Amino acid sequence: MEARAELKYARISPRKVSIVLDLIRNKPVDLAMAILKHTPKAACESLEKLLKSAVANAENNHNMDVTKLYVAECHVGPGPILKRIRPRAQGRAFRIDKRTSHITLVLKEKE
C-alpha cells in the first residue's frame, strides 16, 4: 500500500529540487518535514506542501497510520522549458531557459 502526491509544472529547476529530495529520501515523515522546514533552499517550500498532501492522501484515501509513514520514493523530472530572450551587446540576443519540474513523492508504511 502506498500513497503518492505529484506536483507538475513547478517553476524551479529539477537540479535544485533533486538536491533537497536526496536529503529526505527513506526518512520518516516527521523527520522529513523537519528537514524541509530548516533547510534554506528554494525547493523546500513547495516540497513541504507536497509532503503534507501525500500524508493527507495516505490518511484519508488509504487509511494508513501517519506515525508509521516514511518517504519510500521521491524523484523529479524535467517539465517544459520556458524560453526567454535577453538583449546583449551589439544587437545580439541571448536565450534564457526557465526550467520547470515534475515532482513525485511516494509514502509507504513501515511494517
PDB file of N, CA and C in Angstrom:
ATOM      1  N   MET A   1       0.848  -1.185   0.000  1.00  0.00           N
ATOM      2  CA  MET A   1       0.000   0.000   0.000  1.00  0.00           C
ATOM      3  C   MET A   1       0.891   1.246   0.000  1.00  0.00           C
ATOM      4  N   GLU A   2       0.573   2.166  -0.879  1.00  0.00           N
ATOM      5  CA  GLU A   2       1.365   3.399  -0.953  1.00  0.00           C
ATOM      6  C   GLU A   2       0.460   4.591  -1.225  1.00  0.00           C
ATOM      7  N   ALA A   3       0.912   5.738  -0.758  1.00  0.00           N
ATOM      8  CA  ALA A   3       0.209   6.995  -1.019  1.00  0.00           C
ATOM      9  C   ALA A   3       1.169   7.902  -1.772  1.00  0.00           C
ATOM     10  N   ARG A   4       0.641   8.582  -2.803  1.00  0.00           N
ATOM     11  CA  ARG A   4       1.530   9.415  -3.605  1.00  0.00           C
ATOM     12  C   ARG A   4       0.930  10.791  -3.809  1.00  0.00           C
ATOM     13  N   ALA A   5       1.813  11.744  -4.094  1.00  0.00           N
ATOM     14  CA  ALA A   5       1.387  13.098  -4.443  1.00  0.00           C
ATOM     15  C   ALA A   5       2.333  13.591  -5.530  1.00  0.00           C
ATOM     16  N   GLU A   6       1.772  14.305  -6.497  1.00  0.00           N
ATOM     17  CA  GLU A   6       2.576  14.813  -7.606  1.00  0.00           C
ATOM     18  C   GLU A   6       2.410  16.314  -7.731  1.00  0.00           C
ATOM     19  N   LEU A   7       3.503  16.981  -8.074  1.00  0.00           N
ATOM     20  CA  LEU A   7       3.476  18.405  -8.369  1.00  0.00           C
ATOM     21  C   LEU A   7       4.014  18.574  -9.782  1.00  0.00           C
ATOM     22  N   LYS A   8       3.157  19.075 -10.662  1.00  0.00           N
ATOM     23  CA  LYS A   8       3.551  19.228 -12.062  1.00  0.00           C
ATOM     24  C   LYS A   8       3.800  20.700 -12.366  1.00  0.00           C
ATOM     25  N   TYR A   9       4.680  20.960 -13.286  1.00  0.00           N
ATOM     26  CA  TYR A   9       4.991  22.302 -13.783  1.00  0.00           C
ATOM     27  C   TYR A   9       5.458  23.254 -12.683  1.00  0.00           C
ATOM     28  N   ALA A  10       6.214  22.761 -11.719  1.00  0.00           N
ATOM     29  CA  ALA A  10       6.768  23.639 -10.679  1.00  0.00           C
ATOM     30  C   ALA A  10       7.842  24.514 -11.315  1.00  0.00           C
ATOM     31  N   ARG A  11       7.802  25.822 -11.051  1.00  0.00           N
ATOM     32  CA  ARG A  11       8.717  26.752 -11.708  1.00  0.00           C
ATOM     33  C   ARG A  11      10.063  26.809 -10.983  1.00  0.00           C
ATOM     34  N   ILE A  12      10.731  25.659 -10.917  1.00  0.00           N
ATOM     35  CA  ILE A  12      12.058  25.573 -10.332  1.00  0.00           C
ATOM     36  C   ILE A  12      12.817  24.483 -11.073  1.00  0.00           C
ATOM     37  N   SER A  13      14.097  24.662 -11.218  1.00  0.00           N
ATOM     38  CA  SER A  13      14.921  23.723 -11.966  1.00  0.00           C
ATOM     39  C   SER A  13      14.965  22.349 -11.283  1.00  0.00           C
ATOM     40  N   PRO A  14      14.885  21.255 -12.062  1.00  0.00           N
ATOM     41  CA  PRO A  14      14.941  19.907 -11.472  1.00  0.00           C
ATOM     42  C   PRO A  14      16.239  19.661 -10.702  1.00  0.00           C
ATOM     43  N   ARG A  15      17.306  20.301 -11.139  1.00  0.00           N
ATOM     44  CA  ARG A  15      18.608  20.132 -10.481  1.00  0.00           C
ATOM     45  C   ARG A  15      18.562  20.645  -9.036  1.00  0.00           C
ATOM     46  N   LYS A  16      17.879  21.778  -8.834  1.00  0.00           N
ATOM     47  CA  LYS A  16      17.769  22.349  -7.492  1.00  0.00           C
ATOM     48  C   LYS A  16      16.867  21.495  -6.604  1.00  0.00           C
ATOM     49  N   VAL A  17      15.821  20.907  -7.199  1.00  0.00           N
ATOM     50  CA  VAL A  17      14.880  20.090  -6.426  1.00  0.00           C
ATOM     51  C   VAL A  17      15.538  18.782  -6.001  1.00  0.00           C
ATOM     52  N   SER A  18      16.326  18.180  -6.895  1.00  0.00           N
ATOM     53  CA  SER A  18      16.895  16.861  -6.595  1.00  0.00           C
ATOM     54  C   SER A  18      17.869  16.919  -5.413  1.00  0.00           C
ATOM     55  N   ILE A  19      18.520  18.062  -5.201  1.00  0.00           N
ATOM     56  CA  ILE A  19      19.419  18.218  -4.050  1.00  0.00           C
ATOM     57  C   ILE A  19      18.638  18.040  -2.747  1.00  0.00           C
ATOM     58  N   VAL A  20      17.456  18.647  -2.675  1.00  0.00           N
ATOM     59  CA  VAL A  20      16.642  18.566  -1.465  1.00  0.00           C
ATOM     60  C   VAL A  20      15.995  17.185  -1.335  1.00  0.00           C
ATOM     61  N   LEU A  21      15.582  16.585  -2.467  1.00  0.00           N
ATOM     62  CA  LEU A  21      14.964  15.258  -2.419  1.00  0.00           C
ATOM     63  C   LEU A  21      15.934  14.211  -1.866  1.00  0.00           C
ATOM     64  N   ASP A  22      17.228  14.369  -2.173  1.00  0.00           N
ATOM     65  CA  ASP A  22      18.228  13.438  -1.650  1.00  0.00           C
ATOM     66  C   ASP A  22      18.313  13.493  -0.130  1.00  0.00           C
ATOM     67  N   LEU A  23      17.966  14.659   0.458  1.00  0.00           N
ATOM     68  CA  LEU A  23      18.019  14.805   1.912  1.00  0.00           C
ATOM     69  C   LEU A  23      16.892  14.046   2.607  1.00  0.00           C
ATOM     70  N   ILE A  24      15.717  13.945   1.951  1.00  0.00           N
ATOM     71  CA  ILE A  24      14.556  13.353   2.636  1.00  0.00           C
ATOM     72  C   ILE A  24      14.233  11.925   2.201  1.00  0.00           C
ATOM     73  N   ARG A  25      14.932  11.393   1.216  1.00  0.00           N
ATOM     74  CA  ARG A  25      14.647  10.038   0.734  1.00  0.00           C
ATOM     75  C   ARG A  25      14.886   9.008   1.841  1.00  0.00           C
ATOM     76  N   ASN A  26      13.924   8.061   2.005  1.00  0.00           N
ATOM     77  CA  ASN A  26      13.964   6.975   3.001  1.00  0.00           C
ATOM     78  C   ASN A  26      13.942   7.456   4.446  1.00  0.00           C
ATOM     79  N   LYS A  27      13.440   8.666   4.688  1.00  0.00           N
ATOM     80  CA  LYS A  27      13.340   9.188   6.052  1.00  0.00           C
ATOM     81  C   LYS A  27      11.884   9.093   6.525  1.00  0.00           C
ATOM     82  N   PRO A  28      11.651   8.974   7.848  1.00  0.00           N
ATOM     83  CA  PRO A  28      10.276   9.045   8.359  1.00  0.00           C
ATOM     84  C   PRO A  28       9.669  10.414   8.058  1.00  0.00           C
ATOM     85  N   VAL A  29       8.346  10.470   7.979  1.00  0.00           N
ATOM     86  CA  VAL A  29       7.661  11.691   7.548  1.00  0.00           C
ATOM     87  C   VAL A  29       7.937  12.872   8.470  1.00  0.00           C
ATOM     88  N   ASP A  30       7.918  12.634   9.802  1.00  0.00           N
ATOM     89  CA  ASP A  30       8.143  13.753  10.724  1.00  0.00           C
ATOM     90  C   ASP A  30       9.561  14.304  10.611  1.00  0.00           C
ATOM     91  N   LEU A  31      10.545  13.422  10.400  1.00  0.00           N
ATOM     92  CA  LEU A  31      11.930  13.875  10.217  1.00  0.00           C
ATOM     93  C   LEU A  31      12.084  14.608   8.884  1.00  0.00           C
ATOM     94  N   ALA A  32      11.442  14.090   7.837  1.00  0.00           N
ATOM     95  CA  ALA A  32      11.499  14.743   6.523  1.00  0.00           C
ATOM     96  C   ALA A  32      10.890  16.138   6.587  1.00  0.00           C
ATOM     97  N   MET A  33       9.788  16.279   7.325  1.00  0.00           N
ATOM     98  CA  MET A  33       9.144  17.586   7.470  1.00  0.00           C
ATOM     99  C   MET A  33      10.065  18.566   8.202  1.00  0.00           C
ATOM    100  N   ALA A  34      10.753  18.086   9.240  1.00  0.00           N
ATOM    101  CA  ALA A  34      11.687  18.933   9.990  1.00  0.00           C
ATOM    102  C   ALA A  34      12.863  19.359   9.113  1.00  0.00           C
ATOM    103  N   ILE A  35      13.360  18.440   8.289  1.00  0.00           N
ATOM    104  CA  ILE A  35      14.466  18.765   7.376  1.00  0.00           C
ATOM    105  C   ILE A  35      14.038  19.854   6.397  1.00  0.00           C
ATOM    106  N   LEU A  36      12.834  19.707   5.835  1.00  0.00           N
ATOM    107  CA  LEU A  36      12.346  20.687   4.871  1.00  0.00           C
ATOM    108  C   LEU A  36      12.122  22.059   5.516  1.00  0.00           C
ATOM    109  N   LYS A  37      11.670  22.052   6.782  1.00  0.00           N
ATOM    110  CA  LYS A  37      11.414  23.314   7.479  1.00  0.00           C
ATOM    111  C   LYS A  37      12.701  24.098   7.731  1.00  0.00           C
ATOM    112  N   HIS A  38      13.806  23.393   7.999  1.00  0.00           N
ATOM    113  CA  HIS A  38      15.040  24.050   8.431  1.00  0.00           C
ATOM    114  C   HIS A  38      16.149  24.059   7.380  1.00  0.00           C
ATOM    115  N   THR A  39      15.832  23.703   6.148  1.00  0.00           N
ATOM    116  CA  THR A  39      16.826  23.763   5.077  1.00  0.00           C
ATOM    117  C   THR A  39      16.579  25.020   4.243  1.00  0.00           C
ATOM    118  N   PRO A  40      17.575  25.888   4.105  1.00  0.00           N
ATOM    119  CA  PRO A  40      17.372  27.143   3.377  1.00  0.00           C
ATOM    120  C   PRO A  40      17.523  26.979   1.858  1.00  0.00           C
ATOM    121  N   LYS A  41      16.641  26.232   1.250  1.00  0.00           N
ATOM    122  CA  LYS A  41      16.656  26.042  -0.204  1.00  0.00           C
ATOM    123  C   LYS A  41      15.314  26.475  -0.779  1.00  0.00           C
ATOM    124  N   ALA A  42      15.322  26.924  -2.020  1.00  0.00           N
ATOM    125  CA  ALA A  42      14.100  27.420  -2.661  1.00  0.00           C
ATOM    126  C   ALA A  42      13.066  26.305  -2.838  1.00  0.00           C
ATOM    127  N   ALA A  43      13.518  25.075  -3.054  1.00  0.00           N
ATOM    128  CA  ALA A  43      12.606  23.962  -3.326  1.00  0.00           C
ATOM    129  C   ALA A  43      11.856  23.491  -2.088  1.00  0.00           C
ATOM    130  N   CYS A  44      12.340  23.846  -0.899  1.00  0.00           N
ATOM    131  CA  CYS A  44      11.772  23.309   0.347  1.00  0.00           C
ATOM    132  C   CYS A  44      10.313  23.702   0.548  1.00  0.00           C
ATOM    133  N   GLU A  45       9.959  24.922   0.159  1.00  0.00           N
ATOM    134  CA  GLU A  45       8.594  25.408   0.387  1.00  0.00           C
ATOM    135  C   GLU A  45       7.572  24.550  -0.366  1.00  0.00           C
ATOM    136  N   SER A  46       7.810  24.323  -1.650  1.00  0.00           N
ATOM    137  CA  SER A  46       6.862  23.529  -2.436  1.00  0.00           C
ATOM    138  C   SER A  46       6.915  22.045  -2.052  1.00  0.00           C
ATOM    139  N   LEU A  47       8.092  21.545  -1.667  1.00  0.00           N
ATOM    140  CA  LEU A  47       8.205  20.147  -1.252  1.00  0.00           C
ATOM    141  C   LEU A  47       7.501  19.901   0.079  1.00  0.00           C
ATOM    142  N   GLU A  48       7.493  20.903   0.953  1.00  0.00           N
ATOM    143  CA  GLU A  48       6.789  20.772   2.232  1.00  0.00           C
ATOM    144  C   GLU A  48       5.285  20.633   1.997  1.00  0.00           C
ATOM    145  N   LYS A  49       4.751  21.454   1.091  1.00  0.00           N
ATOM    146  CA  LYS A  49       3.328  21.363   0.742  1.00  0.00           C
ATOM    147  C   LYS A  49       3.011  20.011   0.109  1.00  0.00           C
ATOM    148  N   LEU A  50       3.917  19.530  -0.744  1.00  0.00           N
ATOM    149  CA  LEU A  50       3.721  18.250  -1.413  1.00  0.00           C
ATOM    150  C   LEU A  50       3.731  17.098  -0.409  1.00  0.00           C
ATOM    151  N   LEU A  51       4.630  17.163   0.575  1.00  0.00           N
ATOM    152  CA  LEU A  51       4.702  16.123   1.602  1.00  0.00           C
ATOM    153  C   LEU A  51       3.433  16.117   2.453  1.00  0.00           C
ATOM    154  N   LYS A  52       2.928  17.307   2.806  1.00  0.00           N
ATOM    155  CA  LYS A  52       1.672  17.389   3.567  1.00  0.00           C
ATOM    156  C   LYS A  52       0.521  16.794   2.769  1.00  0.00           C
ATOM    157  N   SER A  53       0.513  17.040   1.467  1.00  0.00           N
ATOM    158  CA  SER A  53      -0.524  16.499   0.598  1.00  0.00           C
ATOM    159  C   SER A  53      -0.458  14.971   0.547  1.00  0.00           C
ATOM    160  N   ALA A  54       0.756  14.421   0.450  1.00  0.00           N
ATOM    161  CA  ALA A  54       0.931  12.973   0.406  1.00  0.00           C
ATOM    162  C   ALA A  54       0.484  12.327   1.723  1.00  0.00           C
ATOM    163  N   VAL A  55       0.782  12.985   2.840  1.00  0.00           N
ATOM    164  CA  VAL A  55       0.362  12.475   4.151  1.00  0.00           C
ATOM    165  C   VAL A  55      -1.168  12.478   4.248  1.00  0.00           C
ATOM    166  N   ALA A  56      -1.794  13.562   3.774  1.00  0.00           N
ATOM    167  CA  ALA A  56      -3.254  13.643   3.790  1.00  0.00           C
ATOM    168  C   ALA A  56      -3.867  12.569   2.898  1.00  0.00           C
ATOM    169  N   ASN A  57      -3.256  12.312   1.748  1.00  0.00           N
ATOM    170  CA  ASN A  57      -3.731  11.248   0.861  1.00  0.00           C
ATOM    171  C   ASN A  57      -3.642   9.884   1.554  1.00  0.00           C
ATOM    172  N   ALA A  58      -2.538   9.653   2.257  1.00  0.00           N
ATOM    173  CA  ALA A  58      -2.346   8.375   2.957  1.00  0.00           C
ATOM    174  C   ALA A  58      -3.404   8.190   4.033  1.00  0.00           C
ATOM    175  N   GLU A  59      -3.665   9.266   4.780  1.00  0.00           N
ATOM    176  CA  GLU A  59      -4.603   9.192   5.897  1.00  0.00           C
ATOM    177  C   GLU A  59      -6.042   9.044   5.414  1.00  0.00           C
ATOM    178  N   ASN A  60      -6.443   9.863   4.458  1.00  0.00           N
ATOM    179  CA  ASN A  60      -7.846   9.922   4.052  1.00  0.00           C
ATOM    180  C   ASN A  60      -8.235   8.896   2.993  1.00  0.00           C
ATOM    181  N   ASN A  61      -7.353   8.643   2.033  1.00  0.00           N
ATOM    182  CA  ASN A  61      -7.713   7.750   0.924  1.00  0.00           C
ATOM    183  C   ASN A  61      -7.359   6.290   1.187  1.00  0.00           C
ATOM    184  N   HIS A  62      -6.290   6.043   1.968  1.00  0.00           N
ATOM    185  CA  HIS A  62      -5.816   4.670   2.141  1.00  0.00           C
ATOM    186  C   HIS A  62      -5.869   4.189   3.585  1.00  0.00           C
ATOM    187  N   ASN A  63      -6.365   5.012   4.523  1.00  0.00           N
ATOM    188  CA  ASN A  63      -6.471   4.661   5.943  1.00  0.00           C
ATOM    189  C   ASN A  63      -5.153   4.139   6.520  1.00  0.00           C
ATOM    190  N   MET A  64      -4.057   4.818   6.196  1.00  0.00           N
ATOM    191  CA  MET A  64      -2.747   4.414   6.696  1.00  0.00           C
ATOM    192  C   MET A  64      -2.446   5.147   8.005  1.00  0.00           C
ATOM    193  N   ASP A  65      -1.577   4.529   8.835  1.00  0.00           N
ATOM    194  CA  ASP A  65      -1.184   5.135  10.106  1.00  0.00           C
ATOM    195  C   ASP A  65      -0.092   6.171   9.841  1.00  0.00           C
ATOM    196  N   VAL A  66      -0.366   7.432  10.189  1.00  0.00           N
ATOM    197  CA  VAL A  66       0.546   8.545   9.873  1.00  0.00           C
ATOM    198  C   VAL A  66       1.880   8.404  10.602  1.00  0.00           C
ATOM    199  N   THR A  67       1.873   7.799  11.789  1.00  0.00           N
ATOM    200  CA  THR A  67       3.112   7.691  12.569  1.00  0.00           C
ATOM    201  C   THR A  67       4.102   6.688  11.969  1.00  0.00           C
ATOM    202  N   LYS A  68       3.610   5.759  11.136  1.00  0.00           N
ATOM    203  CA  LYS A  68       4.487   4.734  10.542  1.00  0.00           C
ATOM    204  C   LYS A  68       4.945   5.073   9.133  1.00  0.00           C
ATOM    205  N   LEU A  69       4.559   6.227   8.613  1.00  0.00           N
ATOM    206  CA  LEU A  69       4.878   6.564   7.220  1.00  0.00           C
ATOM    207  C   LEU A  69       6.331   6.990   7.045  1.00  0.00           C
ATOM    208  N   TYR A  70       6.893   6.644   5.885  1.00  0.00           N
ATOM    209  CA  TYR A  70       8.214   7.141   5.508  1.00  0.00           C
ATOM    210  C   TYR A  70       8.229   7.439   4.006  1.00  0.00           C
ATOM    211  N   VAL A  71       9.192   8.236   3.578  1.00  0.00           N
ATOM    212  CA  VAL A  71       9.296   8.630   2.170  1.00  0.00           C
ATOM    213  C   VAL A  71       9.969   7.477   1.423  1.00  0.00           C
ATOM    214  N   ALA A  72       9.177   6.662   0.752  1.00  0.00           N
ATOM    215  CA  ALA A  72       9.696   5.470   0.078  1.00  0.00           C
ATOM    216  C   ALA A  72      10.440   5.841  -1.208  1.00  0.00           C
ATOM    217  N   GLU A  73       9.811   6.648  -2.055  1.00  0.00           N
ATOM    218  CA  GLU A  73      10.485   7.123  -3.270  1.00  0.00           C
ATOM    219  C   GLU A  73      10.171   8.589  -3.461  1.00  0.00           C
ATOM    220  N   CYS A  74      11.110   9.287  -4.045  1.00  0.00           N
ATOM    221  CA  CYS A  74      10.860  10.660  -4.456  1.00  0.00           C
ATOM    222  C   CYS A  74      11.778  10.939  -5.636  1.00  0.00           C
ATOM    223  N   HIS A  75      11.184  11.428  -6.703  1.00  0.00           N
ATOM    224  CA  HIS A  75      12.007  11.747  -7.866  1.00  0.00           C
ATOM    225  C   HIS A  75      11.460  12.970  -8.576  1.00  0.00           C
ATOM    226  N   VAL A  76      12.325  13.561  -9.383  1.00  0.00           N
ATOM    227  CA  VAL A  76      11.959  14.772 -10.112  1.00  0.00           C
ATOM    228  C   VAL A  76      12.394  14.590 -11.565  1.00  0.00           C
ATOM    229  N   GLY A  77      11.545  15.074 -12.463  1.00  0.00           N
ATOM    230  CA  GLY A  77      11.865  15.037 -13.883  1.00  0.00           C
ATOM    231  C   GLY A  77      11.677  16.419 -14.476  1.00  0.00           C
ATOM    232  N   PRO A  78      12.268  16.664 -15.624  1.00  0.00           N
ATOM    233  CA  PRO A  78      12.116  17.981 -16.253  1.00  0.00           C
ATOM    234  C   PRO A  78      10.733  18.155 -16.868  1.00  0.00           C
ATOM    235  N   GLY A  79      10.192  19.348 -16.723  1.00  0.00           N
ATOM    236  CA  GLY A  79       8.949  19.713 -17.387  1.00  0.00           C
ATOM    237  C   GLY A  79       9.296  20.525 -18.625  1.00  0.00           C
ATOM    238  N   PRO A  80       8.313  21.195 -19.221  1.00  0.00           N
ATOM    239  CA  PRO A  80       8.603  22.029 -20.380  1.00  0.00           C
ATOM    240  C   PRO A  80       9.465  23.235 -19.991  1.00  0.00           C
ATOM    241  N   ILE A  81      10.291  23.677 -20.920  1.00  0.00           N
ATOM    242  CA  ILE A  81      11.198  24.802 -20.669  1.00  0.00           C
ATOM    243  C   ILE A  81      10.609  26.063 -21.284  1.00  0.00           C
ATOM    244  N   LEU A  82      10.500  27.126 -20.466  1.00  0.00           N
ATOM    245  CA  LEU A  82      10.047  28.418 -20.978  1.00  0.00           C
ATOM    246  C   LEU A  82      11.264  29.146 -21.530  1.00  0.00           C
ATOM    247  N   LYS A  83      11.233  29.486 -22.798  1.00  0.00           N
ATOM    248  CA  LYS A  83      12.391  30.120 -23.431  1.00  0.00           C
ATOM    249  C   LYS A  83      12.171  31.621 -23.506  1.00  0.00           C
ATOM    250  N   ARG A  84      13.119  32.377 -22.968  1.00  0.00           N
ATOM    251  CA  ARG A  84      13.035  33.833 -22.954  1.00  0.00           C
ATOM    252  C   ARG A  84      14.274  34.429 -23.611  1.00  0.00           C
ATOM    253  N   ILE A  85      14.154  35.654 -24.109  1.00  0.00           N
ATOM    254  CA  ILE A  85      15.257  36.317 -24.798  1.00  0.00           C
ATOM    255  C   ILE A  85      15.739  37.503 -23.973  1.00  0.00           C
ATOM    256  N   ARG A  86      17.066  37.626 -23.845  1.00  0.00           N
ATOM    257  CA  ARG A  86      17.696  38.731 -23.131  1.00  0.00           C
ATOM    258  C   ARG A  86      18.554  39.514 -24.127  1.00  0.00           C
ATOM    259  N   PRO A  87      18.369  40.815 -24.231  1.00  0.00           N
ATOM    260  CA  PRO A  87      19.207  41.604 -25.140  1.00  0.00           C
ATOM    261  C   PRO A  87      20.654  41.624 -24.657  1.00  0.00           C
ATOM    262  N   ARG A  88      21.586  41.533 -25.616  1.00  0.00           N
ATOM    263  CA  ARG A  88      23.012  41.568 -25.289  1.00  0.00           C
ATOM    264  C   ARG A  88      23.682  42.669 -26.111  1.00  0.00           C
ATOM    265  N   ALA A  89      24.977  42.761 -25.964  1.00  0.00           N
ATOM    266  CA  ALA A  89      25.725  43.832 -26.627  1.00  0.00           C
ATOM    267  C   ALA A  89      25.694  43.681 -28.147  1.00  0.00           C
ATOM    268  N   GLN A  90      25.753  44.814 -28.866  1.00  0.00           N
ATOM    269  CA  GLN A  90      25.846  44.885 -30.326  1.00  0.00           C
ATOM    270  C   GLN A  90      24.659  44.211 -31.015  1.00  0.00           C
ATOM    271  N   GLY A  91      23.472  44.341 -30.424  1.00  0.00           N
ATOM    272  CA  GLY A  91      22.256  43.875 -31.071  1.00  0.00           C
ATOM    273  C   GLY A  91      22.031  42.382 -31.046  1.00  0.00           C
ATOM    274  N   ARG A  92      22.832  41.664 -30.300  1.00  0.00           N
ATOM    275  CA  ARG A  92      22.655  40.214 -30.231  1.00  0.00           C
ATOM    276  C   ARG A  92      21.566  39.876 -29.215  1.00  0.00           C
ATOM    277  N   ALA A  93      21.066  38.656 -29.312  1.00  0.00           N
ATOM    278  CA  ALA A  93      20.079  38.166 -28.352  1.00  0.00           C
ATOM    279  C   ALA A  93      20.658  36.940 -27.656  1.00  0.00           C
ATOM    280  N   PHE A  94      20.310  36.779 -26.403  1.00  0.00           N
ATOM    281  CA  PHE A  94      20.820  35.702 -25.574  1.00  0.00           C
ATOM    282  C   PHE A  94      19.632  34.965 -24.991  1.00  0.00           C
ATOM    283  N   ARG A  95      19.584  33.655 -25.167  1.00  0.00           N
ATOM    284  CA  ARG A  95      18.424  32.901 -24.708  1.00  0.00           C
ATOM    285  C   ARG A  95      18.576  32.487 -23.250  1.00  0.00           C
ATOM    286  N   ILE A  96      17.495  32.672 -22.492  1.00  0.00           N
ATOM    287  CA  ILE A  96      17.455  32.230 -21.105  1.00  0.00           C
ATOM    288  C   ILE A  96      16.387  31.142 -21.007  1.00  0.00           C
ATOM    289  N   ASP A  97      16.776  29.982 -20.456  1.00  0.00           N
ATOM    290  CA  ASP A  97      15.838  28.883 -20.274  1.00  0.00           C
ATOM    291  C   ASP A  97      15.310  28.914 -18.847  1.00  0.00           C
ATOM    292  N   LYS A  98      14.007  29.051 -18.710  1.00  0.00           N
ATOM    293  CA  LYS A  98      13.379  28.980 -17.392  1.00  0.00           C
ATOM    294  C   LYS A  98      12.796  27.575 -17.264  1.00  0.00           C
ATOM    295  N   ARG A  99      13.453  26.767 -16.464  1.00  0.00           N
ATOM    296  CA  ARG A  99      13.114  25.345 -16.392  1.00  0.00           C
ATOM    297  C   ARG A  99      11.977  25.067 -15.417  1.00  0.00           C
ATOM    298  N   THR A 100      11.214  24.006 -15.707  1.00  0.00           N
ATOM    299  CA  THR A 100      10.135  23.568 -14.826  1.00  0.00           C
ATOM    300  C   THR A 100      10.377  22.107 -14.434  1.00  0.00           C
ATOM    301  N   SER A 101       9.679  21.669 -13.379  1.00  0.00           N
ATOM    302  CA  SER A 101       9.882  20.322 -12.835  1.00  0.00           C
ATOM    303  C   SER A 101       8.556  19.604 -12.626  1.00  0.00           C
ATOM    304  N   HIS A 102       8.609  18.284 -12.742  1.00  0.00           N
ATOM    305  CA  HIS A 102       7.512  17.417 -12.325  1.00  0.00           C
ATOM    306  C   HIS A 102       8.059  16.596 -11.151  1.00  0.00           C
ATOM    307  N   ILE A 103       7.469  16.787  -9.958  1.00  0.00           N
ATOM    308  CA  ILE A 103       7.985  16.144  -8.737  1.00  0.00           C
ATOM    309  C   ILE A 103       6.980  15.094  -8.259  1.00  0.00           C
ATOM    310  N   THR A 104       7.469  13.916  -7.868  1.00  0.00           N
ATOM    311  CA  THR A 104       6.629  12.837  -7.354  1.00  0.00           C
ATOM    312  C   THR A 104       7.151  12.377  -5.993  1.00  0.00           C
ATOM    313  N   LEU A 105       6.242  12.251  -5.034  1.00  0.00           N
ATOM    314  CA  LEU A 105       6.554  11.755  -3.693  1.00  0.00           C
ATOM    315  C   LEU A 105       5.701  10.531  -3.401  1.00  0.00           C
ATOM    316  N   VAL A 106       6.309   9.442  -2.948  1.00  0.00           N
ATOM    317  CA  VAL A 106       5.574   8.221  -2.603  1.00  0.00           C
ATOM    318  C   VAL A 106       5.863   7.868  -1.147  1.00  0.00           C
ATOM    319  N   LEU A 107       4.792   7.706  -0.367  1.00  0.00           N
ATOM    320  CA  LEU A 107       4.917   7.319   1.037  1.00  0.00           C
ATOM    321  C   LEU A 107       4.447   5.892   1.233  1.00  0.00           C
ATOM    322  N   LYS A 108       5.144   5.158   2.101  1.00  0.00           N
ATOM    323  CA  LYS A 108       4.741   3.801   2.458  1.00  0.00           C
ATOM    324  C   LYS A 108       4.764   3.650   3.964  1.00  0.00           C
ATOM    325  N   GLU A 109       4.083   2.587   4.452  1.00  0.00           N
ATOM    326  CA  GLU A 109       4.054   2.292   5.884  1.00  0.00           C
ATOM    327  C   GLU A 109       5.161   1.319   6.245  1.00  0.00           C
ATOM    328  N   LYS A 110       5.818   1.564   7.373  1.00  0.00           N
ATOM    329  CA  LYS A 110       6.801   0.598   7.872  1.00  0.00           C
ATOM    330  C   LYS A 110       6.073  -0.581   8.483  1.00  0.00           C
ATOM    331  N   GLU A 111       6.620  -1.767   8.269  1.00  0.00           N
ATOM    332  CA  GLU A 111       5.986  -2.965   8.837  1.00  0.00           C
ATOM    333  C   GLU A 111       6.309  -3.099  10.308  1.00  0.00           C
TER     334      GLU A 111
END
